[in-house]
């Protein structure tokens, strides 16, 4: 099934505001637009450095730009497509801070 990215503009805005990340996020977006997934394991096939979070969170951590940036997304496999919701984007250092607070399972992007 194809991936329907919710709030693609969020990624574009982040890349715009963090110019060094632009090429890496453009590459990520291209992979998402061509991805075909049938199960969460397929996410890891497309993005070998991604991590699936446990605890039934249905969340994935994408390592972007040589692991300089992290993005937390929630996924929902529907009947015809996979919905991928952006929950959070930031630097690896910022990600470590939310992990220290154990917020990676619940954090939601404030739009």
Protein backbone atom coordinates (compact mmCIF):
# COMPACT_ATOMS: atom_id res chain seq x y z
CA UNK A 1 0.00 0.00 0.00
CA UNK A 2 1.10 3.55 -0.65
CA UNK A 3 1.95 5.98 2.13
CA UNK A 4 -0.20 9.05 2.76
CA UNK A 5 1.97 11.55 4.63
CA UNK A 6 -0.07 13.82 6.85
CA UNK A 7 1.28 17.39 7.01
CA UNK A 8 4.10 17.14 4.46
CA UNK A 9 4.37 20.90 4.83
CA UNK A 10 5.69 20.34 8.37
CA UNK A 11 8.72 18.54 6.93
CA UNK A 12 9.19 21.21 4.28
CA UNK A 13 8.99 23.98 6.88
CA UNK A 14 11.51 22.27 9.15
CA UNK A 15 13.92 21.78 6.25
CA UNK A 16 13.49 25.42 5.25
CA UNK A 17 14.23 26.60 8.79
CA UNK A 18 17.23 24.21 9.09
CA UNK A 19 18.99 24.69 5.77
CA UNK A 20 21.63 22.02 6.41
CA UNK A 21 18.87 19.41 6.64
CA UNK A 22 17.14 20.26 3.35
CA UNK A 23 18.78 17.65 1.09
CA UNK A 24 18.32 14.88 3.65
CA UNK A 25 14.63 15.65 4.15
CA UNK A 26 14.08 15.92 0.39
CA UNK A 27 15.58 12.44 0.04
CA UNK A 28 13.33 11.16 2.85
CA UNK A 29 10.25 12.66 1.17
CA UNK A 30 11.14 11.05 -2.15
CA UNK A 31 11.41 7.63 -0.48
CA UNK A 32 8.05 8.13 1.26
CA UNK A 33 6.35 9.09 -2.02
CA UNK A 34 7.54 5.88 -3.70
CA UNK A 35 7.22 3.52 -0.70
CA UNK A 36 4.89 0.53 -0.76
CA UNK A 37 4.36 -1.02 2.67
CA UNK A 38 2.24 -3.95 3.78
CA UNK A 39 3.49 -4.17 7.37
CA UNK A 40 5.57 -2.15 9.84
CA UNK A 41 8.56 -4.32 8.94
CA UNK A 42 8.45 -2.79 5.45
CA UNK A 43 9.19 0.60 7.00
CA UNK A 44 12.52 -0.84 8.16
CA UNK A 45 13.17 -2.23 4.70
CA UNK A 46 12.72 1.24 3.17
CA UNK A 47 14.61 3.01 5.96
CA UNK A 48 17.25 0.68 7.36
CA UNK A 49 18.18 3.04 10.18
CA UNK A 50 14.58 3.56 11.37
CA UNK A 51 13.40 2.17 14.70
CA UNK A 52 9.92 0.95 15.56
CA UNK A 53 8.86 2.02 19.05
CA UNK A 54 7.26 -0.56 21.27
CA UNK A 55 4.49 -0.33 23.85
CA UNK A 56 1.84 -0.54 21.12
CA UNK A 57 2.63 3.05 20.18
CA UNK A 58 2.55 2.45 16.39
CA UNK A 59 5.39 4.96 16.14
CA UNK A 60 8.57 4.95 14.13
CA UNK A 61 11.74 6.97 14.63
CA UNK A 62 13.42 8.05 11.40
CA UNK A 63 17.14 8.89 11.52
CA UNK A 64 17.69 11.57 8.90
CA UNK A 65 20.79 13.26 7.53
CA UNK A 66 23.39 10.84 8.83
CA UNK A 67 21.55 10.64 12.16
CA UNK A 68 21.79 14.42 12.66
CA UNK A 69 18.00 14.72 12.78
CA UNK A 70 15.24 12.56 14.16
CA UNK A 71 11.58 12.44 13.26
CA UNK A 72 8.88 10.62 15.20
CA UNK A 73 5.87 9.53 13.19
CA UNK A 74 2.77 7.56 14.06
CA UNK A 75 1.59 5.08 11.45
CA UNK A 76 -1.82 3.60 10.78
CA UNK A 77 -2.30 0.84 8.25
CA UNK A 78 -5.66 1.35 6.60
CA UNK A 79 -7.51 -0.71 4.01
CA UNK A 80 -6.06 1.14 1.01
CA UNK A 81 -3.12 3.18 2.31
CA UNK A 82 -0.85 3.81 5.24
CA UNK A 83 -1.35 7.08 7.07
CA UNK A 84 1.88 8.52 8.44
CA UNK A 85 1.44 11.36 10.95
CA UNK A 86 4.37 13.55 11.90
CA UNK A 87 4.54 13.83 15.69
CA UNK A 88 7.89 15.53 16.18
CA UNK A 89 11.03 16.65 14.28
CA UNK A 90 14.31 17.85 15.77
CA UNK A 91 18.01 17.35 16.15
CA UNK A 92 19.51 14.17 17.54
CA UNK A 93 20.42 16.11 20.69
CA UNK A 94 16.82 17.35 21.12
CA UNK A 95 15.59 13.79 20.59
CA UNK A 96 17.87 12.52 23.35
CA UNK A 97 16.32 15.09 25.69
CA UNK A 98 12.76 13.92 25.03
CA UNK A 99 13.89 10.30 25.44
CA UNK A 100 15.42 11.15 28.81
CA UNK A 101 11.92 12.29 29.81
CA UNK A 102 10.41 9.16 28.17
CA UNK A 103 8.24 11.40 25.95
CA UNK A 104 8.97 9.66 22.62
CA UNK A 105 5.84 7.55 23.08
CA UNK A 106 3.47 10.47 23.58
CA UNK A 107 4.95 13.69 22.16
CA UNK A 108 2.80 15.45 19.59
CA UNK A 109 3.85 18.20 17.22
CA UNK A 110 2.41 21.54 18.17
CA UNK A 111 1.25 23.18 14.94
